[in-house]
Amino acid sequence: MLRDAHDDDLPAMRRWRNHPRVRAASFTTHEIGADEHARWWAAVRADATRRVLIYDHDGVPAGVVAYSNLSPTGATWGFYLDLDGLERSGALLRAWAGLERAAVAHAFGPLGLTVLRGEVLADNEPVRSLHRRFGFAEVATYRRDVGGVPRDVVAIELRREHT
C-alpha cells in the first residue's frame, strides 16, 4: 500500500536512504545530512510536479516511492527500501516486488499517467531484472557522473497499454 509521506516519516526516510547499499545504487552517493534532507523535503512539498509516498508492507512503513516531473501524461520515478528492517523480518524480496507493483498501479491508476520513466545504474542487474519482470523496456543507455565517477545508466519506461 502507498500513502502520502508526512513530516513524521522523515527520520526513517533519511535513515533508509543513507543505508550504504541504497547510496551505492543511487545517483547521489554521499550520506545525506539532516539539513540537506529538510531542504529536499521543503522543495518536494512546494513542487506540484513531485510526489513522495511511503510504501507500507504488512502494515509497516518499509520504503519510499518518489515521482517527479509529473505531467498530464508521464512522470519519472524512483524508490528505496528499508533494507535493514526488511532483511531482519525476511520480507525483503516480497516487499521489493510489492513496492514495484504498488508504484506501477499508482502511476497508471490515481496519477492517471500513460508512461512511467526511470533510470537505473547499468550494473544494478537486480533492479534492472525486476523492472523487466514488471514490463519496463530499456530504451536508452548513457553515461552520467555519479559521485565524481562516470557511470553507465539505463533509461527505462513502461506504457500503460503494456501493463
N, C-alpha and C. Protein backbone atom coordinates (compact mmCIF):
# COMPACT_ATOMS: atom_id res chain seq x y z
N MET A 1 0.83 -1.17 0.00
CA MET A 1 0.00 0.00 0.00
C MET A 1 0.88 1.25 0.00
N LEU A 2 0.49 2.23 -0.77
CA LEU A 2 1.19 3.52 -0.79
C LEU A 2 0.33 4.57 -0.10
N ARG A 3 1.01 5.45 0.62
CA ARG A 3 0.34 6.58 1.26
C ARG A 3 1.25 7.79 1.16
N ASP A 4 0.67 8.97 1.26
CA ASP A 4 1.48 10.19 1.23
C ASP A 4 2.49 10.18 2.38
N ALA A 5 3.69 10.65 2.10
CA ALA A 5 4.69 10.81 3.15
C ALA A 5 4.34 12.05 3.97
N HIS A 6 4.65 12.00 5.25
CA HIS A 6 4.39 13.10 6.17
C HIS A 6 5.67 13.49 6.89
N ASP A 7 5.64 14.63 7.56
CA ASP A 7 6.82 15.10 8.28
C ASP A 7 7.38 14.06 9.24
N ASP A 8 6.50 13.31 9.91
CA ASP A 8 6.99 12.35 10.89
C ASP A 8 7.65 11.12 10.24
N ASP A 9 7.54 10.99 8.91
CA ASP A 9 8.23 9.91 8.19
C ASP A 9 9.69 10.26 7.88
N LEU A 10 10.05 11.53 8.00
CA LEU A 10 11.37 11.99 7.54
C LEU A 10 12.54 11.28 8.20
N PRO A 11 12.55 11.06 9.52
CA PRO A 11 13.72 10.38 10.09
C PRO A 11 13.93 8.98 9.51
N ALA A 12 12.88 8.21 9.36
CA ALA A 12 13.01 6.86 8.79
C ALA A 12 13.43 6.95 7.33
N MET A 13 12.83 7.88 6.57
CA MET A 13 13.19 8.02 5.16
C MET A 13 14.68 8.32 5.00
N ARG A 14 15.20 9.22 5.81
CA ARG A 14 16.62 9.57 5.71
C ARG A 14 17.50 8.39 6.12
N ARG A 15 17.11 7.67 7.17
CA ARG A 15 17.88 6.50 7.61
C ARG A 15 17.93 5.46 6.49
N TRP A 16 16.77 5.18 5.87
CA TRP A 16 16.73 4.19 4.79
C TRP A 16 17.58 4.66 3.61
N ARG A 17 17.46 5.94 3.25
CA ARG A 17 18.17 6.48 2.09
C ARG A 17 19.68 6.49 2.30
N ASN A 18 20.11 6.62 3.56
CA ASN A 18 21.54 6.66 3.86
C ASN A 18 22.16 5.28 4.05
N HIS A 19 21.37 4.24 3.92
CA HIS A 19 21.94 2.89 4.02
C HIS A 19 23.03 2.76 2.96
N PRO A 20 24.18 2.20 3.29
CA PRO A 20 25.28 2.12 2.31
C PRO A 20 24.89 1.46 0.98
N ARG A 21 24.08 0.41 1.01
CA ARG A 21 23.70 -0.25 -0.25
C ARG A 21 22.71 0.59 -1.05
N VAL A 22 21.86 1.36 -0.38
CA VAL A 22 20.96 2.27 -1.11
C VAL A 22 21.77 3.38 -1.75
N ARG A 23 22.71 3.96 -0.99
CA ARG A 23 23.55 5.02 -1.56
C ARG A 23 24.35 4.51 -2.75
N ALA A 24 24.85 3.30 -2.67
CA ALA A 24 25.67 2.74 -3.75
C ALA A 24 24.86 2.54 -5.03
N ALA A 25 23.57 2.38 -4.92
CA ALA A 25 22.71 2.17 -6.09
C ALA A 25 22.03 3.45 -6.54
N SER A 26 22.39 4.58 -5.93
CA SER A 26 21.72 5.86 -6.20
C SER A 26 22.62 6.79 -7.00
N PHE A 27 22.02 7.86 -7.50
CA PHE A 27 22.77 8.86 -8.24
C PHE A 27 23.41 9.87 -7.30
N THR A 28 22.92 9.96 -6.07
CA THR A 28 23.53 10.77 -5.02
C THR A 28 24.09 9.79 -4.00
N THR A 29 25.41 9.70 -3.92
CA THR A 29 26.03 8.62 -3.15
C THR A 29 26.51 9.05 -1.76
N HIS A 30 26.56 10.36 -1.50
CA HIS A 30 27.05 10.78 -0.19
C HIS A 30 25.96 10.59 0.87
N GLU A 31 26.37 10.57 2.12
CA GLU A 31 25.41 10.47 3.21
C GLU A 31 24.69 11.81 3.34
N ILE A 32 23.38 11.74 3.38
CA ILE A 32 22.54 12.94 3.41
C ILE A 32 22.33 13.37 4.86
N GLY A 33 22.72 14.61 5.15
CA GLY A 33 22.56 15.16 6.49
C GLY A 33 21.15 15.68 6.73
N ALA A 34 20.87 16.01 7.97
CA ALA A 34 19.53 16.47 8.35
C ALA A 34 19.13 17.75 7.63
N ASP A 35 20.05 18.70 7.51
CA ASP A 35 19.72 19.97 6.83
C ASP A 35 19.43 19.75 5.35
N GLU A 36 20.26 18.96 4.69
CA GLU A 36 20.03 18.67 3.27
C GLU A 36 18.70 17.96 3.07
N HIS A 37 18.39 17.02 3.96
CA HIS A 37 17.13 16.28 3.87
C HIS A 37 15.94 17.23 4.07
N ALA A 38 16.05 18.15 5.02
CA ALA A 38 14.98 19.12 5.27
C ALA A 38 14.77 20.03 4.06
N ARG A 39 15.86 20.45 3.43
CA ARG A 39 15.74 21.29 2.22
C ARG A 39 15.05 20.52 1.09
N TRP A 40 15.44 19.25 0.92
CA TRP A 40 14.81 18.41 -0.10
C TRP A 40 13.31 18.29 0.16
N TRP A 41 12.94 18.02 1.41
CA TRP A 41 11.53 17.85 1.76
C TRP A 41 10.74 19.14 1.51
N ALA A 42 11.31 20.28 1.86
CA ALA A 42 10.64 21.56 1.60
C ALA A 42 10.45 21.77 0.11
N ALA A 43 11.44 21.41 -0.70
CA ALA A 43 11.32 21.56 -2.16
C ALA A 43 10.25 20.62 -2.71
N VAL A 44 10.18 19.40 -2.20
CA VAL A 44 9.15 18.45 -2.64
C VAL A 44 7.77 19.01 -2.35
N ARG A 45 7.59 19.51 -1.14
CA ARG A 45 6.27 19.99 -0.73
C ARG A 45 5.83 21.22 -1.53
N ALA A 46 6.80 21.99 -2.05
CA ALA A 46 6.49 23.21 -2.79
C ALA A 46 6.34 22.96 -4.30
N ASP A 47 6.56 21.75 -4.76
CA ASP A 47 6.61 21.45 -6.19
C ASP A 47 5.46 20.51 -6.57
N ALA A 48 4.51 21.03 -7.33
CA ALA A 48 3.34 20.23 -7.73
C ALA A 48 3.69 19.11 -8.70
N THR A 49 4.92 19.12 -9.25
CA THR A 49 5.31 18.06 -10.18
C THR A 49 6.04 16.91 -9.48
N ARG A 50 6.04 16.94 -8.14
CA ARG A 50 6.70 15.89 -7.38
C ARG A 50 5.73 15.31 -6.35
N ARG A 51 5.86 14.03 -6.11
CA ARG A 51 5.05 13.35 -5.09
C ARG A 51 5.91 12.30 -4.44
N VAL A 52 5.92 12.26 -3.11
CA VAL A 52 6.67 11.26 -2.36
C VAL A 52 5.69 10.47 -1.50
N LEU A 53 5.76 9.16 -1.63
CA LEU A 53 4.85 8.26 -0.93
C LEU A 53 5.64 7.25 -0.12
N ILE A 54 5.01 6.76 0.93
CA ILE A 54 5.58 5.71 1.76
C ILE A 54 4.90 4.40 1.37
N TYR A 55 5.72 3.37 1.19
CA TYR A 55 5.21 2.03 0.94
C TYR A 55 5.11 1.31 2.28
N ASP A 56 3.91 0.88 2.63
CA ASP A 56 3.70 0.08 3.83
C ASP A 56 3.62 -1.38 3.41
N HIS A 57 4.45 -2.20 4.05
CA HIS A 57 4.46 -3.64 3.77
C HIS A 57 3.96 -4.36 5.02
N ASP A 58 2.89 -5.10 4.87
CA ASP A 58 2.28 -5.79 6.02
C ASP A 58 2.03 -4.82 7.16
N GLY A 59 1.58 -3.60 6.81
CA GLY A 59 1.22 -2.60 7.81
C GLY A 59 2.37 -1.84 8.43
N VAL A 60 3.58 -2.05 7.91
CA VAL A 60 4.77 -1.40 8.48
C VAL A 60 5.42 -0.54 7.39
N PRO A 61 5.76 0.73 7.68
CA PRO A 61 6.47 1.53 6.70
C PRO A 61 7.77 0.83 6.29
N ALA A 62 7.96 0.68 4.97
CA ALA A 62 9.09 -0.13 4.52
C ALA A 62 9.82 0.43 3.30
N GLY A 63 9.35 1.54 2.74
CA GLY A 63 10.03 2.07 1.57
C GLY A 63 9.46 3.39 1.13
N VAL A 64 10.12 3.98 0.16
CA VAL A 64 9.75 5.28 -0.39
C VAL A 64 9.62 5.16 -1.90
N VAL A 65 8.56 5.74 -2.44
CA VAL A 65 8.36 5.86 -3.88
C VAL A 65 8.29 7.35 -4.17
N ALA A 66 9.12 7.82 -5.08
CA ALA A 66 9.14 9.23 -5.44
C ALA A 66 8.84 9.38 -6.93
N TYR A 67 7.85 10.20 -7.24
CA TYR A 67 7.52 10.56 -8.62
C TYR A 67 7.96 12.00 -8.83
N SER A 68 8.56 12.27 -9.98
CA SER A 68 8.97 13.63 -10.32
C SER A 68 8.61 13.92 -11.77
N ASN A 69 8.70 15.18 -12.12
CA ASN A 69 8.36 15.61 -13.48
C ASN A 69 6.95 15.17 -13.85
N LEU A 70 6.03 15.19 -12.87
CA LEU A 70 4.64 14.79 -13.15
C LEU A 70 4.04 15.74 -14.17
N SER A 71 3.43 15.15 -15.18
CA SER A 71 2.70 15.91 -16.20
C SER A 71 1.40 15.16 -16.44
N PRO A 72 0.51 15.72 -17.26
CA PRO A 72 -0.75 15.02 -17.51
C PRO A 72 -0.57 13.62 -18.12
N THR A 73 0.60 13.35 -18.70
CA THR A 73 0.77 12.04 -19.31
C THR A 73 1.84 11.18 -18.67
N GLY A 74 2.91 11.77 -18.15
CA GLY A 74 4.01 10.93 -17.69
C GLY A 74 4.69 11.46 -16.45
N ALA A 75 5.62 10.65 -15.96
CA ALA A 75 6.44 11.02 -14.80
C ALA A 75 7.67 10.13 -14.77
N THR A 76 8.62 10.54 -13.95
CA THR A 76 9.80 9.74 -13.65
C THR A 76 9.66 9.25 -12.21
N TRP A 77 10.13 8.05 -11.96
CA TRP A 77 10.00 7.53 -10.60
C TRP A 77 11.29 6.90 -10.13
N GLY A 78 11.39 6.77 -8.82
CA GLY A 78 12.49 6.08 -8.17
C GLY A 78 11.99 5.55 -6.83
N PHE A 79 12.78 4.71 -6.21
CA PHE A 79 12.36 4.11 -4.94
C PHE A 79 13.57 3.68 -4.13
N TYR A 80 13.33 3.44 -2.85
CA TYR A 80 14.29 2.75 -2.00
C TYR A 80 13.52 2.11 -0.85
N LEU A 81 14.16 1.14 -0.25
CA LEU A 81 13.52 0.33 0.79
C LEU A 81 14.29 0.40 2.11
N ASP A 82 13.61 0.01 3.18
CA ASP A 82 14.22 -0.16 4.49
C ASP A 82 14.94 -1.50 4.48
N LEU A 83 16.14 -1.53 3.94
CA LEU A 83 16.86 -2.79 3.78
C LEU A 83 17.09 -3.52 5.10
N ASP A 84 17.52 -2.80 6.11
CA ASP A 84 17.79 -3.46 7.39
C ASP A 84 16.54 -4.09 7.99
N GLY A 85 15.46 -3.33 8.06
CA GLY A 85 14.23 -3.84 8.65
C GLY A 85 13.64 -4.99 7.87
N LEU A 86 13.64 -4.89 6.56
CA LEU A 86 13.06 -5.95 5.73
C LEU A 86 13.93 -7.20 5.73
N GLU A 87 15.24 -7.05 5.78
CA GLU A 87 16.11 -8.23 5.86
C GLU A 87 15.94 -8.93 7.21
N ARG A 88 15.83 -8.16 8.29
CA ARG A 88 15.61 -8.75 9.62
C ARG A 88 14.33 -9.57 9.66
N SER A 89 13.28 -9.08 9.00
CA SER A 89 11.98 -9.77 9.03
C SER A 89 11.86 -10.85 7.96
N GLY A 90 12.86 -10.94 7.06
CA GLY A 90 12.80 -11.92 5.98
C GLY A 90 11.83 -11.56 4.87
N ALA A 91 11.46 -10.29 4.80
CA ALA A 91 10.43 -9.86 3.85
C ALA A 91 10.97 -9.03 2.69
N LEU A 92 12.29 -8.93 2.53
CA LEU A 92 12.85 -8.02 1.54
C LEU A 92 12.35 -8.31 0.13
N LEU A 93 12.44 -9.53 -0.32
CA LEU A 93 12.05 -9.84 -1.70
C LEU A 93 10.57 -9.57 -1.94
N ARG A 94 9.72 -9.99 -1.02
CA ARG A 94 8.27 -9.74 -1.17
C ARG A 94 7.97 -8.24 -1.16
N ALA A 95 8.63 -7.51 -0.28
CA ALA A 95 8.39 -6.07 -0.19
C ALA A 95 8.88 -5.35 -1.45
N TRP A 96 10.00 -5.78 -1.97
CA TRP A 96 10.57 -5.16 -3.16
C TRP A 96 9.59 -5.31 -4.33
N ALA A 97 9.09 -6.51 -4.56
CA ALA A 97 8.11 -6.73 -5.62
C ALA A 97 6.80 -6.01 -5.31
N GLY A 98 6.40 -6.00 -4.05
CA GLY A 98 5.17 -5.32 -3.67
C GLY A 98 5.25 -3.83 -3.90
N LEU A 99 6.40 -3.23 -3.59
CA LEU A 99 6.58 -1.81 -3.82
C LEU A 99 6.48 -1.50 -5.31
N GLU A 100 7.13 -2.28 -6.14
CA GLU A 100 7.10 -2.01 -7.58
C GLU A 100 5.67 -2.16 -8.11
N ARG A 101 4.98 -3.20 -7.68
CA ARG A 101 3.58 -3.41 -8.09
C ARG A 101 2.72 -2.21 -7.68
N ALA A 102 2.89 -1.76 -6.45
CA ALA A 102 2.10 -0.63 -5.95
C ALA A 102 2.45 0.66 -6.69
N ALA A 103 3.73 0.88 -6.98
CA ALA A 103 4.15 2.10 -7.67
C ALA A 103 3.59 2.15 -9.09
N VAL A 104 3.61 1.04 -9.79
CA VAL A 104 3.07 0.99 -11.16
C VAL A 104 1.56 1.19 -11.12
N ALA A 105 0.89 0.52 -10.20
CA ALA A 105 -0.57 0.66 -10.09
C ALA A 105 -0.95 2.10 -9.76
N HIS A 106 -0.20 2.74 -8.89
CA HIS A 106 -0.49 4.13 -8.52
C HIS A 106 -0.26 5.07 -9.71
N ALA A 107 0.81 4.82 -10.46
CA ALA A 107 1.12 5.68 -11.61
C ALA A 107 0.00 5.64 -12.64
N PHE A 108 -0.48 4.44 -12.94
CA PHE A 108 -1.48 4.32 -14.00
C PHE A 108 -2.91 4.38 -13.48
N GLY A 109 -3.07 4.35 -12.16
CA GLY A 109 -4.38 4.48 -11.53
C GLY A 109 -4.59 5.91 -11.07
N PRO A 110 -4.38 6.19 -9.77
CA PRO A 110 -4.64 7.52 -9.23
C PRO A 110 -3.93 8.67 -9.95
N LEU A 111 -2.68 8.47 -10.39
CA LEU A 111 -1.99 9.56 -11.08
C LEU A 111 -2.43 9.71 -12.53
N GLY A 112 -3.03 8.67 -13.09
CA GLY A 112 -3.56 8.75 -14.46
C GLY A 112 -2.51 8.89 -15.54
N LEU A 113 -1.31 8.39 -15.31
CA LEU A 113 -0.24 8.53 -16.30
C LEU A 113 -0.42 7.57 -17.47
N THR A 114 0.20 7.92 -18.59
CA THR A 114 0.25 6.99 -19.72
C THR A 114 1.64 6.39 -19.88
N VAL A 115 2.66 7.04 -19.29
CA VAL A 115 4.02 6.49 -19.35
C VAL A 115 4.74 6.79 -18.03
N LEU A 116 5.47 5.79 -17.56
CA LEU A 116 6.28 5.91 -16.35
C LEU A 116 7.72 5.65 -16.74
N ARG A 117 8.60 6.61 -16.40
CA ARG A 117 10.00 6.52 -16.78
C ARG A 117 10.88 6.40 -15.53
N GLY A 118 12.08 5.91 -15.74
CA GLY A 118 13.03 5.83 -14.65
C GLY A 118 14.44 5.69 -15.18
N GLU A 119 15.38 5.63 -14.27
CA GLU A 119 16.79 5.44 -14.60
C GLU A 119 17.37 4.48 -13.58
N VAL A 120 18.27 3.65 -14.03
CA VAL A 120 18.94 2.70 -13.13
C VAL A 120 20.39 2.57 -13.57
N LEU A 121 21.28 2.46 -12.60
CA LEU A 121 22.69 2.23 -12.94
C LEU A 121 22.79 0.92 -13.70
N ALA A 122 23.54 0.93 -14.78
CA ALA A 122 23.62 -0.23 -15.66
C ALA A 122 24.11 -1.48 -14.95
N ASP A 123 24.98 -1.32 -13.95
CA ASP A 123 25.50 -2.50 -13.26
C ASP A 123 24.59 -2.99 -12.12
N ASN A 124 23.43 -2.37 -11.97
CA ASN A 124 22.47 -2.79 -10.94
C ASN A 124 21.50 -3.80 -11.54
N GLU A 125 22.03 -4.97 -11.83
CA GLU A 125 21.25 -6.01 -12.52
C GLU A 125 20.01 -6.47 -11.74
N PRO A 126 20.06 -6.57 -10.41
CA PRO A 126 18.83 -6.98 -9.71
C PRO A 126 17.65 -6.02 -9.96
N VAL A 127 17.90 -4.72 -9.93
CA VAL A 127 16.82 -3.76 -10.17
C VAL A 127 16.41 -3.79 -11.64
N ARG A 128 17.36 -3.87 -12.54
CA ARG A 128 17.01 -3.94 -13.97
C ARG A 128 16.13 -5.17 -14.22
N SER A 129 16.49 -6.29 -13.63
CA SER A 129 15.72 -7.53 -13.81
C SER A 129 14.30 -7.38 -13.27
N LEU A 130 14.17 -6.79 -12.09
CA LEU A 130 12.83 -6.59 -11.53
C LEU A 130 12.00 -5.69 -12.44
N HIS A 131 12.58 -4.60 -12.91
CA HIS A 131 11.85 -3.71 -13.81
C HIS A 131 11.40 -4.46 -15.07
N ARG A 132 12.26 -5.28 -15.62
CA ARG A 132 11.87 -6.05 -16.82
C ARG A 132 10.71 -6.99 -16.50
N ARG A 133 10.73 -7.61 -15.32
CA ARG A 133 9.63 -8.51 -14.92
C ARG A 133 8.30 -7.77 -14.87
N PHE A 134 8.35 -6.48 -14.56
CA PHE A 134 7.13 -5.68 -14.50
C PHE A 134 6.80 -5.01 -15.83
N GLY A 135 7.54 -5.33 -16.88
CA GLY A 135 7.22 -4.85 -18.21
C GLY A 135 7.96 -3.61 -18.68
N PHE A 136 8.86 -3.08 -17.86
CA PHE A 136 9.61 -1.90 -18.28
C PHE A 136 10.54 -2.26 -19.43
N ALA A 137 10.61 -1.38 -20.41
CA ALA A 137 11.54 -1.52 -21.53
C ALA A 137 12.76 -0.65 -21.25
N GLU A 138 13.93 -1.16 -21.61
CA GLU A 138 15.15 -0.37 -21.53
C GLU A 138 15.28 0.37 -22.85
N VAL A 139 15.17 1.70 -22.79
CA VAL A 139 15.02 2.49 -24.02
C VAL A 139 16.27 3.27 -24.41
N ALA A 140 17.22 3.42 -23.50
CA ALA A 140 18.44 4.16 -23.83
C ALA A 140 19.50 3.86 -22.78
N THR A 141 20.75 4.07 -23.17
CA THR A 141 21.87 3.97 -22.24
C THR A 141 22.73 5.21 -22.44
N TYR A 142 23.22 5.76 -21.36
CA TYR A 142 24.09 6.93 -21.44
C TYR A 142 25.02 6.93 -20.23
N ARG A 143 25.99 7.84 -20.24
CA ARG A 143 26.92 7.97 -19.13
C ARG A 143 26.54 9.20 -18.32
N ARG A 144 26.73 9.09 -17.01
CA ARG A 144 26.39 10.18 -16.10
C ARG A 144 27.41 10.18 -14.97
N ASP A 145 27.75 11.36 -14.48
CA ASP A 145 28.64 11.48 -13.35
C ASP A 145 27.88 11.11 -12.07
N VAL A 146 28.39 10.13 -11.35
CA VAL A 146 27.79 9.70 -10.10
C VAL A 146 28.89 9.70 -9.05
N GLY A 147 28.80 10.64 -8.12
CA GLY A 147 29.82 10.73 -7.08
C GLY A 147 31.21 10.97 -7.62
N GLY A 148 31.30 11.71 -8.72
CA GLY A 148 32.60 12.03 -9.32
C GLY A 148 33.14 10.97 -10.25
N VAL A 149 32.35 9.94 -10.53
CA VAL A 149 32.79 8.84 -11.39
C VAL A 149 31.80 8.69 -12.54
N PRO A 150 32.28 8.61 -13.80
CA PRO A 150 31.34 8.37 -14.90
C PRO A 150 30.77 6.95 -14.80
N ARG A 151 29.45 6.84 -14.87
CA ARG A 151 28.77 5.55 -14.75
C ARG A 151 27.79 5.39 -15.90
N ASP A 152 27.60 4.16 -16.34
CA ASP A 152 26.58 3.87 -17.35
C ASP A 152 25.22 3.81 -16.67
N VAL A 153 24.23 4.42 -17.32
CA VAL A 153 22.87 4.48 -16.81
C VAL A 153 21.93 3.96 -17.89
N VAL A 154 20.92 3.22 -17.48
CA VAL A 154 19.90 2.71 -18.39
C VAL A 154 18.60 3.45 -18.12
N ALA A 155 18.03 4.05 -19.17
CA ALA A 155 16.71 4.69 -19.07
C ALA A 155 15.66 3.63 -19.35
N ILE A 156 14.61 3.63 -18.53
CA ILE A 156 13.53 2.65 -18.66
C ILE A 156 12.21 3.37 -18.82
N GLU A 157 11.25 2.66 -19.40
CA GLU A 157 9.90 3.21 -19.43
C GLU A 157 8.88 2.08 -19.54
N LEU A 158 7.71 2.37 -19.01
CA LEU A 158 6.58 1.47 -19.06
C LEU A 158 5.38 2.27 -19.51
N ARG A 159 4.69 1.78 -20.52
CA ARG A 159 3.49 2.46 -21.02
C ARG A 159 2.27 1.72 -20.49
N ARG A 160 1.26 2.52 -20.16
CA ARG A 160 0.03 1.95 -19.57
C ARG A 160 -0.50 0.80 -20.37
N GLU A 161 -0.47 0.89 -21.69
CA GLU A 161 -1.02 -0.19 -22.52
C GLU A 161 -0.22 -1.49 -22.43
N HIS A 162 0.97 -1.44 -21.83
CA HIS A 162 1.78 -2.63 -21.67
C HIS A 162 1.69 -3.25 -20.27
N THR A 163 0.77 -2.71 -19.46
CA THR A 163 0.63 -3.27 -18.10
C THR A 163 -0.49 -4.29 -18.06
